[in-house]
Amino acid sequence: MDNKKKPLLLFVDDSKVMRLAADKMLGREFRVDVAEDGAAAWSMIEKNPDYSVVFSDLAMPEMDGYALLGKIRNNPDEGIAKLPVIIVTGAENDDEARSRALSLGGTDFISKPFNSTDLLARARAHANYQEERKALARQAMMDPLTGLGNQRYLKHRLGQELALSARQQTPLSVVQLEIHQFNQFFLQLGKRRADMVMMKLAQLLKSVVRKEDSLARTKVDQFTVLLPSADIHGARRFVERAIKVCEKLSFQHRGRPQRLPVTVAVHSPGSSNDRSPDAIQKVLSDYMARAADAGAGTVVGDDDEVSAAGTAPVMGVEQALALIQAGKQRVVINALPDLKRQLMPLLKLMQQASSGQETA
């Protein structure tokens, strides 16, 4: 079997003899990583999502098997939390130790000294189960039309990226793109042609995301992209690329070429914001509502002076003129509803004054 296709296992034991024995017994069918204590093992698990099974001793320095098992089972990442953990017990481990490991979520037990038959049997059974579970999870997180992740996948990945961003103190941005007035677009084209356009749009967006980015179809008319290590300015550059590819996607309606109408929301949650997936989605939904009100082609984001709650500050006419002179027309366009509300009383007063002069 190709070594890259072999399931990956982690064997944790403070005994070098045991680590070497496990590697030798399992190495023909599995890729085997080893760690000498729970702390080293936990660091490896956090960095590698590909482990199929973890074998762990109980009595170890730094972090023992109980603590490692607790960290695995209590992790918010479902992929880590559901890892099969086989406890390797020695003569010093009594029934009470086994019961404690079982209560913490131990999947199975194997006793020292182990032989290759028992070790391989446990590894095969749990690795196969884990692969089947992962396959079902992938299906449950996939959009059947585009082959991209769905809303469930996006929420799962967002939780992972938020945790990584907090741990490494790096920025993270989220971009949502929606088809403007999708119901009208759907009625114009019909289901078959609308589906073809959505599949083509998915392909075009895949062409502009980086390897480390996550792209999902989160609603029937919406795509969401996670941009790890990108601040709001980096997210804006991505939006420019995404809009360019959207402009390439045209379709015929009543004999005339039509461009795909889209609106965009951009958010880069800072350390002071509520960084839960639900809170971030609320901000994006508020931004998207403003973008939809402003019309196709509108982009609303953090740097458009929109608060985290999605409410816009009042923009004065002088401020609007200054922004236009500074080349920030988009900010003014997004604030037009507020400017209109401010100007309406003045326009009415001017009309009244004009009518009074004509009467005089």
Protein backbone atom coordinates (compact mmCIF):
# COMPACT_ATOMS: atom_id res chain seq x y z
CA MET A 1 0.00 0.00 0.00
CA ASP A 2 1.14 3.55 -0.79
CA ASN A 3 2.50 4.95 2.47
CA LYS A 4 0.49 8.17 2.04
CA LYS A 5 -2.76 6.17 1.91
CA LYS A 6 -2.08 4.29 5.13
CA PRO A 7 -4.12 5.41 8.18
CA LEU A 8 -2.16 7.54 10.64
CA LEU A 9 -1.91 6.43 14.28
CA LEU A 10 -0.43 8.05 17.37
CA PHE A 11 1.17 5.88 20.07
CA VAL A 12 1.86 7.63 23.40
CA ASP A 13 4.07 6.01 26.04
CA ASP A 14 6.97 7.18 28.16
CA SER A 15 8.75 3.87 27.53
CA LYS A 16 11.01 3.98 24.50
CA VAL A 17 10.87 0.17 24.31
CA MET A 18 7.06 0.25 24.03
CA ARG A 19 7.15 3.00 21.38
CA LEU A 20 9.65 1.04 19.28
CA ALA A 21 7.65 -2.19 19.67
CA ALA A 22 4.39 -0.51 18.59
CA ASP A 23 6.07 1.12 15.59
CA LYS A 24 7.49 -2.24 14.48
CA MET A 25 4.19 -4.12 14.92
CA LEU A 26 1.97 -1.51 13.24
CA GLY A 27 4.35 -0.05 10.67
CA ARG A 28 3.43 -2.34 7.76
CA GLU A 29 -0.24 -1.31 7.71
CA PHE A 30 -0.17 2.13 9.34
CA ARG A 31 1.82 5.32 9.53
CA VAL A 32 2.85 5.56 13.17
CA ASP A 33 3.70 8.72 15.09
CA VAL A 34 5.00 8.36 18.65
CA ALA A 35 5.07 10.69 21.67
CA GLU A 36 6.73 10.23 25.06
CA ASP A 37 4.03 11.95 27.13
CA GLY A 38 0.58 13.49 26.98
CA ALA A 39 1.82 17.05 26.48
CA ALA A 40 3.81 16.13 23.37
CA ALA A 41 0.90 14.02 22.09
CA TRP A 42 -1.61 16.85 22.57
CA SER A 43 0.58 19.26 20.62
CA MET A 44 0.72 16.75 17.75
CA ILE A 45 -3.05 16.14 17.77
CA GLU A 46 -3.78 19.87 17.63
CA LYS A 47 -1.55 20.29 14.59
CA ASN A 48 -2.65 17.20 12.65
CA PRO A 49 -6.32 16.41 11.85
CA ASP A 50 -5.45 13.11 10.13
CA TYR A 51 -5.04 10.81 13.13
CA SER A 52 -7.38 7.80 12.97
CA VAL A 53 -6.58 6.25 16.37
CA VAL A 54 -4.65 7.24 19.50
CA PHE A 55 -3.05 4.61 21.75
CA SER A 56 -2.14 6.05 25.15
CA ASP A 57 -0.46 4.84 28.33
CA LEU A 58 -1.92 6.13 31.61
CA ALA A 59 1.09 6.81 33.85
CA MET A 60 3.32 9.40 32.13
CA PRO A 61 5.20 12.57 33.14
CA GLU A 62 4.20 16.10 32.05
CA MET A 63 0.64 15.06 31.17
CA ASP A 64 -0.72 11.62 31.99
CA GLY A 65 -3.16 9.57 29.96
CA TYR A 66 -6.19 10.75 31.94
CA ALA A 67 -5.43 14.40 31.24
CA LEU A 68 -4.78 13.68 27.55
CA LEU A 69 -8.06 11.78 27.27
CA GLY A 70 -9.92 14.66 28.95
CA LYS A 71 -8.43 17.21 26.55
CA ILE A 72 -9.42 15.11 23.55
CA ARG A 73 -13.00 14.48 24.67
CA ASN A 74 -13.63 18.10 25.74
CA ASN A 75 -12.25 19.71 22.59
CA PRO A 76 -14.75 21.87 20.64
CA ASP A 77 -13.43 20.40 17.37
CA GLU A 78 -15.70 17.43 16.74
CA GLY A 79 -13.01 15.67 14.70
CA ILE A 80 -10.69 15.66 17.73
CA ALA A 81 -13.39 15.01 20.32
CA LYS A 82 -14.48 11.80 18.59
CA LEU A 83 -11.03 10.30 18.05
CA PRO A 84 -10.88 6.64 19.16
CA VAL A 85 -8.53 6.51 22.18
CA ILE A 86 -7.27 3.05 23.15
CA ILE A 87 -5.85 2.94 26.66
CA VAL A 88 -2.69 0.86 27.06
CA THR A 89 -2.79 -0.53 30.62
CA GLY A 90 0.03 -2.10 32.60
CA ALA A 91 0.16 -4.36 35.64
CA GLU A 92 0.08 -1.28 37.89
CA ASN A 93 -3.31 -0.22 36.51
CA ASP A 94 -6.12 -1.72 38.60
CA ASP A 95 -9.85 -1.91 37.90
CA GLU A 96 -10.34 1.56 39.43
CA ALA A 97 -7.88 3.05 36.91
CA ARG A 98 -9.70 1.37 34.03
CA SER A 99 -13.07 2.61 35.32
CA ARG A 100 -11.73 6.15 35.54
CA ALA A 101 -10.38 5.98 31.98
CA LEU A 102 -13.69 4.58 30.77
CA SER A 103 -15.65 7.37 32.50
CA LEU A 104 -13.43 9.94 30.75
CA GLY A 105 -14.28 8.46 27.37
CA GLY A 106 -11.73 5.73 26.73
CA THR A 107 -12.76 3.76 23.63
CA ASP A 108 -11.01 0.44 24.30
CA PHE A 109 -8.24 -1.16 26.38
CA ILE A 110 -5.20 -3.25 25.61
CA SER A 111 -2.87 -4.73 28.23
CA LYS A 112 0.91 -4.79 28.41
CA PRO A 113 2.76 -6.71 27.26
CA PHE A 114 0.76 -6.63 24.01
CA ASN A 115 1.38 -8.79 20.94
CA SER A 116 1.15 -7.83 17.29
CA THR A 117 -2.12 -9.73 16.76
CA ASP A 118 -4.02 -7.87 19.49
CA LEU A 119 -2.48 -4.50 18.62
CA LEU A 120 -3.25 -4.82 14.91
CA ALA A 121 -6.81 -6.03 15.59
CA ARG A 122 -7.56 -2.95 17.72
CA ALA A 123 -5.89 -0.59 15.24
CA ARG A 124 -7.72 -2.02 12.20
CA ALA A 125 -11.15 -2.04 13.83
CA HIS A 126 -11.01 1.51 15.16
CA ALA A 127 -9.24 2.99 12.13
CA ASN A 128 -11.94 1.54 9.84
CA TYR A 129 -14.67 2.87 12.09
CA GLN A 130 -13.06 6.31 12.17
CA GLU A 131 -12.74 6.39 8.37
CA GLU A 132 -16.42 5.48 7.96
CA ARG A 133 -17.39 8.16 10.47
CA LYS A 134 -15.32 10.77 8.66
CA ALA A 135 -16.85 9.77 5.31
CA LEU A 136 -20.37 10.18 6.70
CA ALA A 137 -19.41 13.52 8.25
CA ARG A 138 -18.03 14.72 4.91
CA GLN A 139 -21.29 13.79 3.18
CA ALA A 140 -23.33 15.60 5.84
CA MET A 141 -21.19 18.72 5.36
CA MET A 142 -21.32 18.82 1.55
CA ASP A 143 -23.51 20.85 -0.78
CA PRO A 144 -24.72 18.31 -3.38
CA LEU A 145 -24.98 20.83 -6.24
CA THR A 146 -21.54 22.45 -6.11
CA GLY A 147 -19.53 19.85 -4.18
CA LEU A 148 -18.48 22.59 -1.74
CA GLY A 149 -18.97 22.52 2.00
CA ASN A 150 -22.37 23.57 3.33
CA GLN A 151 -23.49 25.71 6.28
CA ARG A 152 -22.65 22.97 8.77
CA TYR A 153 -19.17 22.60 7.29
CA LEU A 154 -18.61 26.35 7.39
CA LYS A 155 -19.61 26.61 11.06
CA HIS A 156 -17.30 23.69 11.88
CA ARG A 157 -14.37 25.26 10.02
CA LEU A 158 -15.06 28.71 11.48
CA GLY A 159 -14.82 27.28 15.00
CA GLN A 160 -11.47 25.71 14.12
CA GLU A 161 -10.11 28.86 12.49
CA LEU A 162 -11.23 31.07 15.39
CA ALA A 163 -9.42 28.82 17.85
CA LEU A 164 -6.26 28.83 15.70
CA SER A 165 -6.43 32.61 15.26
CA ALA A 166 -6.72 33.15 19.02
CA ARG A 167 -3.90 30.72 19.79
CA GLN A 168 -1.48 32.15 17.24
CA GLN A 169 -2.67 35.79 17.56
CA THR A 170 -3.24 36.06 13.80
CA PRO A 171 -6.07 37.84 11.96
CA LEU A 172 -9.04 36.08 10.38
CA SER A 173 -11.55 37.48 7.90
CA VAL A 174 -14.86 36.21 6.59
CA VAL A 175 -16.43 37.18 3.25
CA GLN A 176 -19.99 36.45 2.18
CA LEU A 177 -21.23 36.85 -1.38
CA GLU A 178 -24.92 36.68 -2.31
CA ILE A 179 -26.85 36.74 -5.56
CA HIS A 180 -28.83 39.99 -5.46
CA GLN A 181 -32.61 39.44 -5.62
CA PHE A 182 -32.12 35.72 -6.11
CA ASN A 183 -35.83 34.92 -6.38
CA GLN A 184 -36.14 37.17 -9.43
CA PHE A 185 -32.95 35.70 -10.87
CA PHE A 186 -34.32 32.17 -10.31
CA LEU A 187 -37.64 32.97 -11.99
CA GLN A 188 -35.88 34.49 -14.99
CA LEU A 189 -33.64 31.51 -15.64
CA GLY A 190 -35.54 28.55 -14.25
CA LYS A 191 -34.10 25.89 -11.97
CA ARG A 192 -31.87 24.09 -14.47
CA ARG A 193 -30.13 27.21 -15.82
CA ALA A 194 -29.91 28.80 -12.35
CA ASP A 195 -28.21 25.65 -11.05
CA MET A 196 -25.74 25.77 -13.95
CA VAL A 197 -24.89 29.38 -13.12
CA MET A 198 -24.40 28.53 -9.43
CA MET A 199 -22.10 25.62 -10.31
CA LYS A 200 -20.07 27.87 -12.61
CA LEU A 201 -19.86 30.55 -9.92
CA ALA A 202 -18.60 27.95 -7.44
CA GLN A 203 -15.84 26.95 -9.88
CA LEU A 204 -14.84 30.57 -10.45
CA LEU A 205 -14.67 31.30 -6.71
CA LYS A 206 -12.55 28.17 -6.19
CA SER A 207 -10.08 29.61 -8.69
CA VAL A 208 -9.43 32.71 -6.53
CA VAL A 209 -9.24 31.18 -3.04
CA ARG A 210 -5.91 30.15 -1.52
CA LYS A 211 -5.11 26.62 -0.42
CA GLU A 212 -5.55 27.59 3.23
CA ASP A 213 -8.94 29.28 2.66
CA SER A 214 -12.30 27.56 3.18
CA LEU A 215 -15.11 28.07 0.65
CA ALA A 216 -18.70 26.94 1.30
CA ARG A 217 -22.17 27.37 -0.16
CA THR A 218 -23.97 28.44 3.00
CA LYS A 219 -27.39 29.24 1.51
CA VAL A 220 -29.03 28.60 -1.83
CA ASP A 221 -27.95 32.10 -2.96
CA GLN A 222 -24.87 32.60 -0.77
CA PHE A 223 -21.19 31.63 -0.67
CA THR A 224 -18.94 32.18 2.35
CA VAL A 225 -15.14 32.24 2.41
CA LEU A 226 -12.89 32.00 5.48
CA LEU A 227 -9.57 33.81 5.01
CA PRO A 228 -7.10 32.82 7.75
CA SER A 229 -4.24 35.27 8.38
CA ALA A 230 -6.01 37.95 6.29
CA ASP A 231 -6.93 41.26 7.90
CA ILE A 232 -9.73 43.50 6.58
CA HIS A 233 -7.44 44.95 3.88
CA GLY A 234 -6.45 41.49 2.70
CA ALA A 235 -10.12 40.52 2.66
CA ARG A 236 -10.89 43.58 0.52
CA ARG A 237 -8.26 42.48 -2.00
CA PHE A 238 -9.90 39.05 -2.13
CA VAL A 239 -13.29 40.70 -2.70
CA GLU A 240 -11.85 42.61 -5.67
CA ARG A 241 -10.68 39.33 -7.21
CA ALA A 242 -14.01 37.64 -6.49
CA ILE A 243 -16.02 40.46 -8.07
CA LYS A 244 -13.83 40.33 -11.18
CA VAL A 245 -14.55 36.65 -11.70
CA CYS A 246 -18.26 37.27 -11.06
CA GLU A 247 -18.20 39.90 -13.81
CA LYS A 248 -16.94 37.24 -16.21
CA LEU A 249 -20.01 35.13 -15.53
CA SER A 250 -22.83 36.30 -17.81
CA PHE A 251 -25.99 34.55 -18.97
CA GLN A 252 -28.63 35.11 -21.64
CA HIS A 253 -32.10 36.33 -20.74
CA ARG A 254 -34.59 37.12 -23.50
CA GLY A 255 -31.79 37.27 -26.01
CA ARG A 256 -29.71 39.74 -24.01
CA PRO A 257 -26.54 39.06 -22.04
CA GLN A 258 -26.99 39.66 -18.31
CA ARG A 259 -24.31 39.98 -15.67
CA LEU A 260 -24.58 38.19 -12.35
CA PRO A 261 -25.80 40.69 -9.71
CA VAL A 262 -24.03 40.19 -6.37
CA THR A 263 -23.72 41.88 -2.98
CA VAL A 264 -20.85 41.31 -0.55
CA ALA A 265 -20.29 41.47 3.23
CA VAL A 266 -16.79 41.55 4.77
CA HIS A 267 -15.90 41.09 8.44
CA SER A 268 -12.63 40.67 10.31
CA PRO A 269 -13.45 40.05 14.00
CA GLY A 270 -10.96 41.67 16.35
CA SER A 271 -9.88 40.34 19.72
CA SER A 272 -12.35 42.67 21.46
CA ASN A 273 -15.34 41.38 19.47
CA ASP A 274 -17.53 38.43 20.35
CA ARG A 275 -15.71 35.82 18.26
CA SER A 276 -18.28 33.02 18.41
CA PRO A 277 -19.51 31.68 15.02
CA ASP A 278 -23.07 32.84 15.77
CA ALA A 279 -21.94 36.38 16.65
CA ILE A 280 -19.84 36.62 13.49
CA GLN A 281 -22.76 35.42 11.37
CA LYS A 282 -24.99 38.08 12.92
CA VAL A 283 -22.54 40.82 11.93
CA LEU A 284 -22.34 39.43 8.39
CA SER A 285 -26.13 39.21 8.13
CA ASP A 286 -26.47 42.83 9.22
CA TYR A 287 -23.85 43.92 6.69
CA MET A 288 -25.52 41.88 3.95
CA ALA A 289 -28.92 43.44 4.69
CA ARG A 290 -27.39 46.91 4.19
CA ALA A 291 -25.67 45.79 1.01
CA ALA A 292 -28.93 44.35 -0.36
CA ASP A 293 -30.74 47.63 0.40
CA ALA A 294 -28.06 49.59 -1.47
CA GLY A 295 -28.29 47.36 -4.56
CA ALA A 296 -26.26 44.99 -6.71
CA GLY A 297 -22.50 45.53 -6.63
CA THR A 298 -22.47 46.90 -3.07
CA VAL A 299 -19.78 45.81 -0.62
CA VAL A 300 -20.28 46.47 3.11
CA GLY A 301 -17.57 45.73 5.66
CA ASP A 302 -15.86 46.78 8.86
CA ASP A 303 -13.91 49.57 7.16
CA ASP A 304 -17.15 51.13 5.91
CA GLU A 305 -17.62 52.51 9.42
CA VAL A 306 -20.29 49.97 10.27
CA SER A 307 -20.43 48.92 13.89
CA ALA A 308 -20.25 45.28 15.02
CA ALA A 309 -23.97 45.44 15.67
CA GLY A 310 -24.54 46.43 12.07
CA THR A 311 -25.74 50.00 12.74
CA ALA A 312 -24.23 52.81 10.72
CA PRO A 313 -23.04 56.01 12.33
CA VAL A 314 -24.64 59.19 11.11
CA MET A 315 -22.67 60.62 8.21
CA GLY A 316 -22.89 64.35 7.62
CA VAL A 317 -22.92 65.97 4.17
CA GLU A 318 -19.52 67.60 4.78
CA GLN A 319 -18.06 64.23 5.78
CA ALA A 320 -19.54 62.66 2.64
CA LEU A 321 -17.93 65.31 0.43
CA ALA A 322 -14.58 64.82 2.16
CA LEU A 323 -14.75 61.06 1.62
CA ILE A 324 -15.58 61.53 -2.05
CA GLN A 325 -12.58 63.84 -2.45
CA ALA A 326 -10.43 61.19 -0.74
CA GLY A 327 -11.56 58.59 -3.27
CA LYS A 328 -13.78 56.66 -0.84
CA GLN A 329 -16.95 56.78 -2.90
CA ARG A 330 -18.01 53.29 -1.82
CA VAL A 331 -18.32 54.38 1.82
CA VAL A 332 -20.59 57.24 0.75
CA ILE A 333 -22.69 54.98 -1.49
CA ASN A 334 -23.25 52.60 1.41
CA ALA A 335 -24.36 55.53 3.58
CA LEU A 336 -26.80 57.00 1.03
CA PRO A 337 -29.93 55.89 2.96
CA ASP A 338 -28.70 57.86 6.01
CA LEU A 339 -27.76 60.89 3.93
CA LYS A 340 -31.18 60.83 2.29
CA ARG A 341 -32.89 60.81 5.69
CA GLN A 342 -30.82 63.83 6.74
CA LEU A 343 -31.41 65.77 3.53
CA MET A 344 -35.18 65.19 3.21
CA PRO A 345 -36.18 67.81 5.85
CA LEU A 346 -33.84 70.33 4.20
CA LEU A 347 -35.26 69.61 0.73
CA LYS A 348 -38.82 70.01 2.02
CA LEU A 349 -37.88 73.32 3.65
CA MET A 350 -36.32 74.52 0.39
CA GLN A 351 -39.46 73.52 -1.53
CA GLN A 352 -41.64 75.39 0.96
CA ALA A 353 -39.43 78.46 0.75
CA SER A 354 -39.51 78.32 -3.04
CA SER A 355 -43.31 78.02 -3.09
CA GLY A 356 -43.60 80.99 -0.73
CA GLN A 357 -41.42 83.14 -2.98
CA GLU A 358 -43.49 82.25 -6.06
CA THR A 359 -46.72 83.13 -4.23
CA ALA A 360 -45.24 86.44 -3.13
